[in-house]
């Protein structure tokens, strides 16, 4: 009997290997979408800052009974609402307030979460247990429900909504900062600094805080989309800025009664919320991917 042999085809005749699986293709799409998202976010910021002086002279709160519920046209790009107000003007002017509320609540949540996370990691076992058990209780509730509870205590209004959203998202950031701080405390860099006799306050400021807040700032970019949606949700329920102030969530609430007769009232504010949240989320995921790869290297 002749032994069985296996013939290996030369390299030139082997079938080409597949260039990456679904994860690799998703990463490629994310890398391509990152710069575009950055451009859109920069344009959104410029729009929020310069919109009132660049786009039209119409007042976002001025009414006109003869122009009520006009469909989108050359004169009114996004149509008009039930009071004759230009929807495009209100969406553009509402960019500033909506973005400010989303960014402000994210900054407050990051600041509060960073302080709580650092206090839990550096304050000893008892402080850690108390703060983290309180954070676990808050994290067991959906963020929008926790924000509603905070608004119930604080009352409605622009500033109270910002604080309520910060209260809802701060526990998640606190857990991240605590975990990062504990990892840093066990690193060789910190052990070397302690061995050299570096004072504890200087050790915290120079070594722990910068390394612990790096991932948090990247994740905060992703969290901005959630904060914006939560702010718009509270405004939709009438707990945020009050009419006639132009704000995307409040405009979406006003348009829900006219979906059959005036679809544009709710479509354009809703599209602005979705596009902004998706763009910032894409930019945040791109930044997180780059940060993770740099950290791994």
C-alpha atoms as a PDB file:
ATOM      1  CA  UNK A   1       0.000   0.000   0.000  1.00  0.00           C
ATOM      2  CA  UNK A   2       1.202   3.431  -0.876  1.00  0.00           C
ATOM      3  CA  UNK A   3       0.939   6.001   1.875  1.00  0.00           C
ATOM      4  CA  UNK A   4      -1.587   8.789   1.505  1.00  0.00           C
ATOM      5  CA  UNK A   5      -0.005  12.068   0.542  1.00  0.00           C
ATOM      6  CA  UNK A   6      -1.372  15.575   0.717  1.00  0.00           C
ATOM      7  CA  UNK A   7      -0.454  17.931  -2.030  1.00  0.00           C
ATOM      8  CA  UNK A   8      -0.120  21.563  -0.962  1.00  0.00           C
ATOM      9  CA  UNK A   9      -0.835  23.939  -3.827  1.00  0.00           C
ATOM     10  CA  UNK A  10       1.732  26.623  -4.467  1.00  0.00           C
ATOM     11  CA  UNK A  11       1.104  30.037  -3.008  1.00  0.00           C
ATOM     12  CA  UNK A  12       0.190  31.473  -6.372  1.00  0.00           C
ATOM     13  CA  UNK A  13      -2.713  29.030  -6.746  1.00  0.00           C
ATOM     14  CA  UNK A  14      -4.094  29.279  -3.224  1.00  0.00           C
ATOM     15  CA  UNK A  15      -7.438  31.033  -2.861  1.00  0.00           C
ATOM     16  CA  UNK A  16      -7.024  34.563  -1.574  1.00  0.00           C
ATOM     17  CA  UNK A  17      -7.744  35.056   2.115  1.00  0.00           C
ATOM     18  CA  UNK A  18     -10.670  37.182   3.106  1.00  0.00           C
ATOM     19  CA  UNK A  19      -9.607  40.681   4.045  1.00  0.00           C
ATOM     20  CA  UNK A  20     -11.051  40.873   7.524  1.00  0.00           C
ATOM     21  CA  UNK A  21     -14.360  39.869   9.014  1.00  0.00           C
ATOM     22  CA  UNK A  22     -17.363  41.955  10.029  1.00  0.00           C
ATOM     23  CA  UNK A  23     -15.442  43.610  12.867  1.00  0.00           C
ATOM     24  CA  UNK A  24     -12.669  44.738  10.527  1.00  0.00           C
ATOM     25  CA  UNK A  25     -15.162  46.099   8.001  1.00  0.00           C
ATOM     26  CA  UNK A  26     -17.016  47.937  10.764  1.00  0.00           C
ATOM     27  CA  UNK A  27     -13.747  49.442  11.962  1.00  0.00           C
ATOM     28  CA  UNK A  28     -12.933  50.598   8.424  1.00  0.00           C
ATOM     29  CA  UNK A  29     -16.334  52.262   8.083  1.00  0.00           C
ATOM     30  CA  UNK A  30     -15.871  53.924  11.469  1.00  0.00           C
ATOM     31  CA  UNK A  31     -12.456  55.290  10.483  1.00  0.00           C
ATOM     32  CA  UNK A  32     -13.937  56.725   7.301  1.00  0.00           C
ATOM     33  CA  UNK A  33     -16.921  58.239   9.108  1.00  0.00           C
ATOM     34  CA  UNK A  34     -14.834  59.809  11.887  1.00  0.00           C
ATOM     35  CA  UNK A  35     -13.478  62.820   9.935  1.00  0.00           C
ATOM     36  CA  UNK A  36     -16.893  63.493   8.399  1.00  0.00           C
ATOM     37  CA  UNK A  37     -18.474  63.411  11.848  1.00  0.00           C
ATOM     38  CA  UNK A  38     -15.820  65.839  13.126  1.00  0.00           C
ATOM     39  CA  UNK A  39     -16.643  68.273  10.313  1.00  0.00           C
ATOM     40  CA  UNK A  40     -20.374  68.021  11.037  1.00  0.00           C
ATOM     41  CA  UNK A  41     -19.827  68.582  14.755  1.00  0.00           C
ATOM     42  CA  UNK A  42     -17.714  71.674  14.014  1.00  0.00           C
ATOM     43  CA  UNK A  43     -20.441  72.955  11.685  1.00  0.00           C
ATOM     44  CA  UNK A  44     -23.034  72.305  14.396  1.00  0.00           C
ATOM     45  CA  UNK A  45     -21.035  74.309  16.926  1.00  0.00           C
ATOM     46  CA  UNK A  46     -20.663  77.189  14.493  1.00  0.00           C
ATOM     47  CA  UNK A  47     -24.379  77.016  13.782  1.00  0.00           C
ATOM     48  CA  UNK A  48     -25.182  77.169  17.481  1.00  0.00           C
ATOM     49  CA  UNK A  49     -22.911  80.178  17.960  1.00  0.00           C
ATOM     50  CA  UNK A  50     -23.554  82.167  14.792  1.00  0.00           C
ATOM     51  CA  UNK A  51     -27.017  81.060  13.686  1.00  0.00           C
ATOM     52  CA  UNK A  52     -29.088  84.016  14.974  1.00  0.00           C
ATOM     53  CA  UNK A  53     -26.993  86.473  12.992  1.00  0.00           C
ATOM     54  CA  UNK A  54     -26.534  84.449   9.808  1.00  0.00           C
ATOM     55  CA  UNK A  55     -29.854  82.835   8.954  1.00  0.00           C
ATOM     56  CA  UNK A  56     -32.598  85.261   8.199  1.00  0.00           C
ATOM     57  CA  UNK A  57     -34.064  88.214  10.004  1.00  0.00           C
ATOM     58  CA  UNK A  58     -37.324  86.529  11.001  1.00  0.00           C
ATOM     59  CA  UNK A  59     -37.997  86.217  14.695  1.00  0.00           C
ATOM     60  CA  UNK A  60     -38.323  82.620  15.969  1.00  0.00           C
ATOM     61  CA  UNK A  61     -41.206  83.716  18.212  1.00  0.00           C
ATOM     62  CA  UNK A  62     -43.003  86.108  15.838  1.00  0.00           C
ATOM     63  CA  UNK A  63     -46.495  84.929  14.860  1.00  0.00           C
ATOM     64  CA  UNK A  64     -48.560  85.509  11.730  1.00  0.00           C
ATOM     65  CA  UNK A  65     -52.147  84.305  11.467  1.00  0.00           C
ATOM     66  CA  UNK A  66     -52.097  84.485   7.646  1.00  0.00           C
ATOM     67  CA  UNK A  67     -49.055  82.168   7.382  1.00  0.00           C
ATOM     68  CA  UNK A  68     -50.269  79.367   9.665  1.00  0.00           C
ATOM     69  CA  UNK A  69     -49.465  75.776   8.665  1.00  0.00           C
ATOM     70  CA  UNK A  70     -47.847  76.529   5.315  1.00  0.00           C
ATOM     71  CA  UNK A  71     -46.092  73.578   3.687  1.00  0.00           C
ATOM     72  CA  UNK A  72     -42.331  73.709   2.980  1.00  0.00           C
ATOM     73  CA  UNK A  73     -41.570  76.027   0.058  1.00  0.00           C
ATOM     74  CA  UNK A  74     -39.008  78.491  -1.200  1.00  0.00           C
ATOM     75  CA  UNK A  75     -40.300  81.154   1.165  1.00  0.00           C
ATOM     76  CA  UNK A  76     -40.403  78.829   4.179  1.00  0.00           C
ATOM     77  CA  UNK A  77     -37.916  75.966   3.786  1.00  0.00           C
ATOM     78  CA  UNK A  78     -39.348  73.920   6.657  1.00  0.00           C
ATOM     79  CA  UNK A  79     -42.873  75.322   6.473  1.00  0.00           C
ATOM     80  CA  UNK A  80     -44.657  77.186   9.254  1.00  0.00           C
ATOM     81  CA  UNK A  81     -46.363  76.073  12.448  1.00  0.00           C
ATOM     82  CA  UNK A  82     -49.904  76.609  13.741  1.00  0.00           C
ATOM     83  CA  UNK A  83     -49.050  80.176  14.786  1.00  0.00           C
ATOM     84  CA  UNK A  84     -47.394  81.133  11.512  1.00  0.00           C
ATOM     85  CA  UNK A  85     -43.836  80.921  12.853  1.00  0.00           C
ATOM     86  CA  UNK A  86     -41.123  79.841  10.422  1.00  0.00           C
ATOM     87  CA  UNK A  87     -40.031  76.310  11.388  1.00  0.00           C
ATOM     88  CA  UNK A  88     -36.575  76.624   9.800  1.00  0.00           C
ATOM     89  CA  UNK A  89     -35.860  79.760  11.834  1.00  0.00           C
ATOM     90  CA  UNK A  90     -37.016  78.058  15.020  1.00  0.00           C
ATOM     91  CA  UNK A  91     -34.936  74.923  14.341  1.00  0.00           C
ATOM     92  CA  UNK A  92     -31.827  77.009  13.651  1.00  0.00           C
ATOM     93  CA  UNK A  93     -32.327  79.223  16.709  1.00  0.00           C
ATOM     94  CA  UNK A  94     -33.143  76.149  18.801  1.00  0.00           C
ATOM     95  CA  UNK A  95     -29.745  74.651  17.975  1.00  0.00           C
ATOM     96  CA  UNK A  96     -28.020  76.894  20.496  1.00  0.00           C
ATOM     97  CA  UNK A  97     -30.272  76.011  23.415  1.00  0.00           C
ATOM     98  CA  UNK A  98     -30.498  72.295  22.635  1.00  0.00           C
ATOM     99  CA  UNK A  99     -26.734  71.882  22.190  1.00  0.00           C
ATOM    100  CA  UNK A 100     -26.068  74.020  25.267  1.00  0.00           C
ATOM    101  CA  UNK A 101     -28.374  71.880  27.409  1.00  0.00           C
ATOM    102  CA  UNK A 102     -26.872  68.632  26.119  1.00  0.00           C
ATOM    103  CA  UNK A 103     -23.273  69.815  26.520  1.00  0.00           C
ATOM    104  CA  UNK A 104     -23.907  71.494  29.867  1.00  0.00           C
ATOM    105  CA  UNK A 105     -25.546  68.423  31.371  1.00  0.00           C
ATOM    106  CA  UNK A 106     -22.696  66.238  30.072  1.00  0.00           C
ATOM    107  CA  UNK A 107     -20.058  68.520  31.606  1.00  0.00           C
ATOM    108  CA  UNK A 108     -21.875  68.539  34.944  1.00  0.00           C
ATOM    109  CA  UNK A 109     -22.265  64.755  34.868  1.00  0.00           C
ATOM    110  CA  UNK A 110     -18.567  64.246  34.047  1.00  0.00           C
ATOM    111  CA  UNK A 111     -17.441  66.648  36.785  1.00  0.00           C
ATOM    112  CA  UNK A 112     -19.694  65.104  39.438  1.00  0.00           C
ATOM    113  CA  UNK A 113     -18.837  61.564  38.361  1.00  0.00           C
ATOM    114  CA  UNK A 114     -15.102  62.305  38.394  1.00  0.00           C
ATOM    115  CA  UNK A 115     -15.255  63.725  41.922  1.00  0.00           C
ATOM    116  CA  UNK A 116     -17.308  60.815  43.228  1.00  0.00           C
ATOM    117  CA  UNK A 117     -15.129  58.220  41.501  1.00  0.00           C
ATOM    118  CA  UNK A 118     -11.912  59.719  42.814  1.00  0.00           C
ATOM    119  CA  UNK A 119     -13.361  60.021  46.316  1.00  0.00           C
ATOM    120  CA  UNK A 120     -14.468  56.369  46.240  1.00  0.00           C
ATOM    121  CA  UNK A 121     -11.095  55.085  45.037  1.00  0.00           C
ATOM    122  CA  UNK A 122      -8.946  57.268  47.301  1.00  0.00           C
ATOM    123  CA  UNK A 123     -11.148  57.663  50.370  1.00  0.00           C
ATOM    124  CA  UNK A 124     -10.769  54.215  51.888  1.00  0.00           C
ATOM    125  CA  UNK A 125     -12.973  51.151  52.154  1.00  0.00           C
ATOM    126  CA  UNK A 126     -15.883  52.726  54.033  1.00  0.00           C
ATOM    127  CA  UNK A 127     -16.162  55.729  51.697  1.00  0.00           C
ATOM    128  CA  UNK A 128     -15.838  53.422  48.696  1.00  0.00           C
ATOM    129  CA  UNK A 129     -18.622  51.132  49.893  1.00  0.00           C
ATOM    130  CA  UNK A 130     -21.013  53.979  50.705  1.00  0.00           C
ATOM    131  CA  UNK A 131     -20.506  55.858  47.439  1.00  0.00           C
ATOM    132  CA  UNK A 132     -20.541  52.814  45.185  1.00  0.00           C
ATOM    133  CA  UNK A 133     -23.624  51.288  46.795  1.00  0.00           C
ATOM    134  CA  UNK A 134     -25.405  54.615  46.291  1.00  0.00           C
ATOM    135  CA  UNK A 135     -24.212  54.631  42.670  1.00  0.00           C
ATOM    136  CA  UNK A 136     -25.486  51.065  42.206  1.00  0.00           C
ATOM    137  CA  UNK A 137     -28.923  52.115  43.449  1.00  0.00           C
ATOM    138  CA  UNK A 138     -29.025  55.021  41.003  1.00  0.00           C
ATOM    139  CA  UNK A 139     -27.725  52.884  38.138  1.00  0.00           C
ATOM    140  CA  UNK A 140     -30.528  50.382  38.722  1.00  0.00           C
ATOM    141  CA  UNK A 141     -32.985  53.020  37.471  1.00  0.00           C
ATOM    142  CA  UNK A 142     -33.282  54.044  33.812  1.00  0.00           C
ATOM    143  CA  UNK A 143     -31.605  57.442  33.275  1.00  0.00           C
ATOM    144  CA  UNK A 144     -34.768  59.107  31.981  1.00  0.00           C
ATOM    145  CA  UNK A 145     -36.735  57.917  35.034  1.00  0.00           C
ATOM    146  CA  UNK A 146     -34.004  59.155  37.364  1.00  0.00           C
ATOM    147  CA  UNK A 147     -34.038  62.498  35.552  1.00  0.00           C
ATOM    148  CA  UNK A 148     -37.818  62.690  35.984  1.00  0.00           C
ATOM    149  CA  UNK A 149     -37.429  62.064  39.706  1.00  0.00           C
ATOM    150  CA  UNK A 150     -34.801  64.807  39.921  1.00  0.00           C
ATOM    151  CA  UNK A 151     -37.020  67.262  38.028  1.00  0.00           C
ATOM    152  CA  UNK A 152     -39.870  66.405  40.396  1.00  0.00           C
ATOM    153  CA  UNK A 153     -37.678  67.467  43.320  1.00  0.00           C
ATOM    154  CA  UNK A 154     -36.016  70.467  41.654  1.00  0.00           C
ATOM    155  CA  UNK A 155     -38.924  71.682  39.541  1.00  0.00           C
ATOM    156  CA  UNK A 156     -39.131  72.312  35.795  1.00  0.00           C
ATOM    157  CA  UNK A 157     -37.028  74.838  33.916  1.00  0.00           C
ATOM    158  CA  UNK A 158     -33.914  75.065  31.783  1.00  0.00           C
ATOM    159  CA  UNK A 159     -31.314  74.933  34.557  1.00  0.00           C
ATOM    160  CA  UNK A 160     -33.159  72.272  36.547  1.00  0.00           C
ATOM    161  CA  UNK A 161     -33.372  70.018  33.497  1.00  0.00           C
ATOM    162  CA  UNK A 162     -29.618  70.343  33.007  1.00  0.00           C
ATOM    163  CA  UNK A 163     -28.963  69.403  36.620  1.00  0.00           C
ATOM    164  CA  UNK A 164     -31.452  66.516  36.450  1.00  0.00           C
ATOM    165  CA  UNK A 165     -29.746  64.999  33.408  1.00  0.00           C
ATOM    166  CA  UNK A 166     -26.369  65.353  35.145  1.00  0.00           C
ATOM    167  CA  UNK A 167     -27.717  63.514  38.194  1.00  0.00           C
ATOM    168  CA  UNK A 168     -28.988  60.715  35.948  1.00  0.00           C
ATOM    169  CA  UNK A 169     -25.669  60.148  34.128  1.00  0.00           C
ATOM    170  CA  UNK A 170     -23.122  60.968  36.857  1.00  0.00           C
ATOM    171  CA  UNK A 171     -23.186  57.493  38.532  1.00  0.00           C
ATOM    172  CA  UNK A 172     -21.993  55.804  35.332  1.00  0.00           C
ATOM    173  CA  UNK A 173     -19.046  58.166  35.015  1.00  0.00           C
ATOM    174  CA  UNK A 174     -18.256  57.683  38.716  1.00  0.00           C
ATOM    175  CA  UNK A 175     -17.938  53.911  38.232  1.00  0.00           C
ATOM    176  CA  UNK A 176     -15.593  54.413  35.279  1.00  0.00           C
ATOM    177  CA  UNK A 177     -13.347  56.872  37.135  1.00  0.00           C
ATOM    178  CA  UNK A 178     -13.206  54.618  40.206  1.00  0.00           C
ATOM    179  CA  UNK A 179     -12.187  51.607  38.112  1.00  0.00           C
ATOM    180  CA  UNK A 180      -9.525  53.565  36.221  1.00  0.00           C
ATOM    181  CA  UNK A 181      -8.152  55.039  39.455  1.00  0.00           C
ATOM    182  CA  UNK A 182      -7.850  51.613  41.096  1.00  0.00           C
ATOM    183  CA  UNK A 183      -5.938  50.308  38.085  1.00  0.00           C
ATOM    184  CA  UNK A 184      -3.616  53.315  38.154  1.00  0.00           C
ATOM    185  CA  UNK A 185      -2.968  52.912  41.884  1.00  0.00           C
ATOM    186  CA  UNK A 186      -1.636  49.389  41.244  1.00  0.00           C
ATOM    187  CA  UNK A 187       0.659  50.448  38.412  1.00  0.00           C
ATOM    188  CA  UNK A 188       4.428  50.560  38.674  1.00  0.00           C
ATOM    189  CA  UNK A 189       4.464  54.285  37.994  1.00  0.00           C
ATOM    190  CA  UNK A 190       2.529  55.042  41.189  1.00  0.00           C
ATOM    191  CA  UNK A 191       4.624  52.608  43.233  1.00  0.00           C
ATOM    192  CA  UNK A 192       7.788  54.308  41.998  1.00  0.00           C
ATOM    193  CA  UNK A 193       6.382  57.764  42.833  1.00  0.00           C
ATOM    194  CA  UNK A 194       5.454  56.606  46.334  1.00  0.00           C
ATOM    195  CA  UNK A 195       8.903  55.080  46.777  1.00  0.00           C
ATOM    196  CA  UNK A 196      10.477  58.424  45.854  1.00  0.00           C
ATOM    197  CA  UNK A 197       8.472  60.107  48.601  1.00  0.00           C
ATOM    198  CA  UNK A 198       6.132  62.166  46.392  1.00  0.00           C
ATOM    199  CA  UNK A 199       3.451  63.837  48.573  1.00  0.00           C
ATOM    200  CA  UNK A 200      -0.036  62.385  48.245  1.00  0.00           C
ATOM    201  CA  UNK A 201      -1.741  65.598  46.949  1.00  0.00           C
ATOM    202  CA  UNK A 202       0.933  66.018  44.279  1.00  0.00           C
ATOM    203  CA  UNK A 203       0.678  62.334  43.425  1.00  0.00           C
ATOM    204  CA  UNK A 204      -3.062  62.676  42.867  1.00  0.00           C
ATOM    205  CA  UNK A 205      -2.825  65.844  40.786  1.00  0.00           C
ATOM    206  CA  UNK A 206       0.181  64.894  38.681  1.00  0.00           C
ATOM    207  CA  UNK A 207      -0.286  61.151  38.095  1.00  0.00           C
ATOM    208  CA  UNK A 208      -3.725  59.859  39.052  1.00  0.00           C
ATOM    209  CA  UNK A 209      -6.141  62.530  37.803  1.00  0.00           C
ATOM    210  CA  UNK A 210      -4.705  62.950  34.247  1.00  0.00           C
ATOM    211  CA  UNK A 211      -4.568  59.189  33.651  1.00  0.00           C
ATOM    212  CA  UNK A 212      -7.997  58.520  35.149  1.00  0.00           C
ATOM    213  CA  UNK A 213      -9.800  61.266  33.233  1.00  0.00           C
ATOM    214  CA  UNK A 214      -8.386  60.387  29.808  1.00  0.00           C
ATOM    215  CA  UNK A 215     -10.878  57.599  29.007  1.00  0.00           C
ATOM    216  CA  UNK A 216     -13.677  59.574  30.680  1.00  0.00           C
ATOM    217  CA  UNK A 217     -13.352  62.511  28.307  1.00  0.00           C
ATOM    218  CA  UNK A 218     -13.580  60.172  25.320  1.00  0.00           C
ATOM    219  CA  UNK A 219     -16.655  58.431  26.732  1.00  0.00           C
ATOM    220  CA  UNK A 220     -18.243  61.799  27.504  1.00  0.00           C
ATOM    221  CA  UNK A 221     -18.310  62.505  23.763  1.00  0.00           C
ATOM    222  CA  UNK A 222     -20.349  59.350  23.262  1.00  0.00           C
ATOM    223  CA  UNK A 223     -22.529  60.258  26.251  1.00  0.00           C
ATOM    224  CA  UNK A 224     -23.420  63.647  24.779  1.00  0.00           C
ATOM    225  CA  UNK A 225     -25.870  61.981  22.406  1.00  0.00           C
ATOM    226  CA  UNK A 226     -27.680  60.320  25.316  1.00  0.00           C
ATOM    227  CA  UNK A 227     -27.777  63.600  27.221  1.00  0.00           C
ATOM    228  CA  UNK A 228     -29.213  65.430  24.213  1.00  0.00           C
ATOM    229  CA  UNK A 229     -31.927  62.817  23.764  1.00  0.00           C
ATOM    230  CA  UNK A 230     -32.757  62.926  27.480  1.00  0.00           C
ATOM    231  CA  UNK A 231     -32.963  66.729  27.454  1.00  0.00           C
ATOM    232  CA  UNK A 232     -35.218  66.631  24.412  1.00  0.00           C
ATOM    233  CA  UNK A 233     -37.364  63.985  26.099  1.00  0.00           C
ATOM    234  CA  UNK A 234     -37.892  66.129  29.187  1.00  0.00           C
ATOM    235  CA  UNK A 235     -38.646  69.144  27.007  1.00  0.00           C
ATOM    236  CA  UNK A 236     -41.094  67.001  25.039  1.00  0.00           C
ATOM    237  CA  UNK A 237     -42.938  66.352  28.311  1.00  0.00           C
ATOM    238  CA  UNK A 238     -43.065  70.076  29.045  1.00  0.00           C
ATOM    239  CA  UNK A 239     -40.448  70.047  31.814  1.00  0.00           C
ATOM    240  CA  UNK A 240     -37.730  71.988  29.991  1.00  0.00           C
ATOM    241  CA  UNK A 241     -37.701  75.422  28.354  1.00  0.00           C
ATOM    242  CA  UNK A 242     -41.207  76.784  28.139  1.00  0.00           C
ATOM    243  CA  UNK A 243     -42.946  78.098  24.983  1.00  0.00           C
ATOM    244  CA  UNK A 244     -42.427  80.173  22.942  1.00  0.00           C
ATOM    245  CA  UNK A 245     -38.685  79.484  23.429  1.00  0.00           C
ATOM    246  CA  UNK A 246     -37.425  77.474  20.428  1.00  0.00           C
ATOM    247  CA  UNK A 247     -36.039  74.111  21.572  1.00  0.00           C
ATOM    248  CA  UNK A 248     -36.033  70.882  19.579  1.00  0.00           C
ATOM    249  CA  UNK A 249     -37.828  68.713  22.132  1.00  0.00           C
ATOM    250  CA  UNK A 250     -40.497  71.334  22.785  1.00  0.00           C
ATOM    251  CA  UNK A 251     -40.998  71.831  19.041  1.00  0.00           C
ATOM    252  CA  UNK A 252     -41.375  68.083  18.613  1.00  0.00           C
ATOM    253  CA  UNK A 253     -44.045  68.104  21.298  1.00  0.00           C
ATOM    254  CA  UNK A 254     -45.916  70.933  19.571  1.00  0.00           C
ATOM    255  CA  UNK A 255     -45.915  69.047  16.277  1.00  0.00           C
ATOM    256  CA  UNK A 256     -47.324  65.768  17.594  1.00  0.00           C
ATOM    257  CA  UNK A 257     -50.906  67.076  17.318  1.00  0.00           C
ATOM    258  CA  UNK A 258     -50.463  67.939  13.630  1.00  0.00           C
ATOM    259  CA  UNK A 259     -48.899  64.758  12.254  1.00  0.00           C
ATOM    260  CA  UNK A 260     -51.827  64.124   9.897  1.00  0.00           C
ATOM    261  CA  UNK A 261     -52.167  67.678   8.570  1.00  0.00           C
ATOM    262  CA  UNK A 262     -48.696  69.225   9.001  1.00  0.00           C
ATOM    263  CA  UNK A 263     -46.034  66.505   9.056  1.00  0.00           C
ATOM    264  CA  UNK A 264     -43.191  69.022   8.862  1.00  0.00           C
ATOM    265  CA  UNK A 265     -43.795  70.395  12.364  1.00  0.00           C
ATOM    266  CA  UNK A 266     -42.410  67.298  14.073  1.00  0.00           C
ATOM    267  CA  UNK A 267     -40.252  65.880  11.274  1.00  0.00           C
ATOM    268  CA  UNK A 268     -37.577  68.563  11.082  1.00  0.00           C
ATOM    269  CA  UNK A 269     -36.981  69.023  14.847  1.00  0.00           C
ATOM    270  CA  UNK A 270     -36.901  65.225  15.235  1.00  0.00           C
ATOM    271  CA  UNK A 271     -34.439  64.926  12.347  1.00  0.00           C
ATOM    272  CA  UNK A 272     -32.232  67.581  13.963  1.00  0.00           C
ATOM    273  CA  UNK A 273     -32.158  65.614  17.242  1.00  0.00           C
ATOM    274  CA  UNK A 274     -31.433  62.301  15.520  1.00  0.00           C
ATOM    275  CA  UNK A 275     -28.750  63.713  13.197  1.00  0.00           C
ATOM    276  CA  UNK A 276     -26.954  65.551  15.996  1.00  0.00           C
ATOM    277  CA  UNK A 277     -26.987  62.555  18.347  1.00  0.00           C
ATOM    278  CA  UNK A 278     -25.821  60.193  15.578  1.00  0.00           C
ATOM    279  CA  UNK A 279     -23.028  62.526  14.451  1.00  0.00           C
ATOM    280  CA  UNK A 280     -21.621  63.146  17.930  1.00  0.00           C
ATOM    281  CA  UNK A 281     -21.968  59.446  18.784  1.00  0.00           C
ATOM    282  CA  UNK A 282     -19.996  58.501  15.663  1.00  0.00           C
ATOM    283  CA  UNK A 283     -17.282  61.011  16.535  1.00  0.00           C
ATOM    284  CA  UNK A 284     -17.116  59.690  20.091  1.00  0.00           C
ATOM    285  CA  UNK A 285     -16.817  56.083  18.958  1.00  0.00           C
ATOM    286  CA  UNK A 286     -14.082  57.058  16.521  1.00  0.00           C
ATOM    287  CA  UNK A 287     -12.186  58.867  19.298  1.00  0.00           C
ATOM    288  CA  UNK A 288     -12.661  55.924  21.666  1.00  0.00           C
ATOM    289  CA  UNK A 289     -11.336  53.496  19.070  1.00  0.00           C
ATOM    290  CA  UNK A 290      -8.244  55.620  18.473  1.00  0.00           C
ATOM    291  CA  UNK A 291      -7.697  56.056  22.223  1.00  0.00           C
ATOM    292  CA  UNK A 292      -8.032  52.305  22.816  1.00  0.00           C
ATOM    293  CA  UNK A 293      -5.559  51.459  20.059  1.00  0.00           C
ATOM    294  CA  UNK A 294      -3.055  54.023  21.358  1.00  0.00           C
ATOM    295  CA  UNK A 295      -3.411  52.719  24.903  1.00  0.00           C
ATOM    296  CA  UNK A 296      -2.968  49.114  23.751  1.00  0.00           C
ATOM    297  CA  UNK A 297       0.212  49.987  21.876  1.00  0.00           C
END
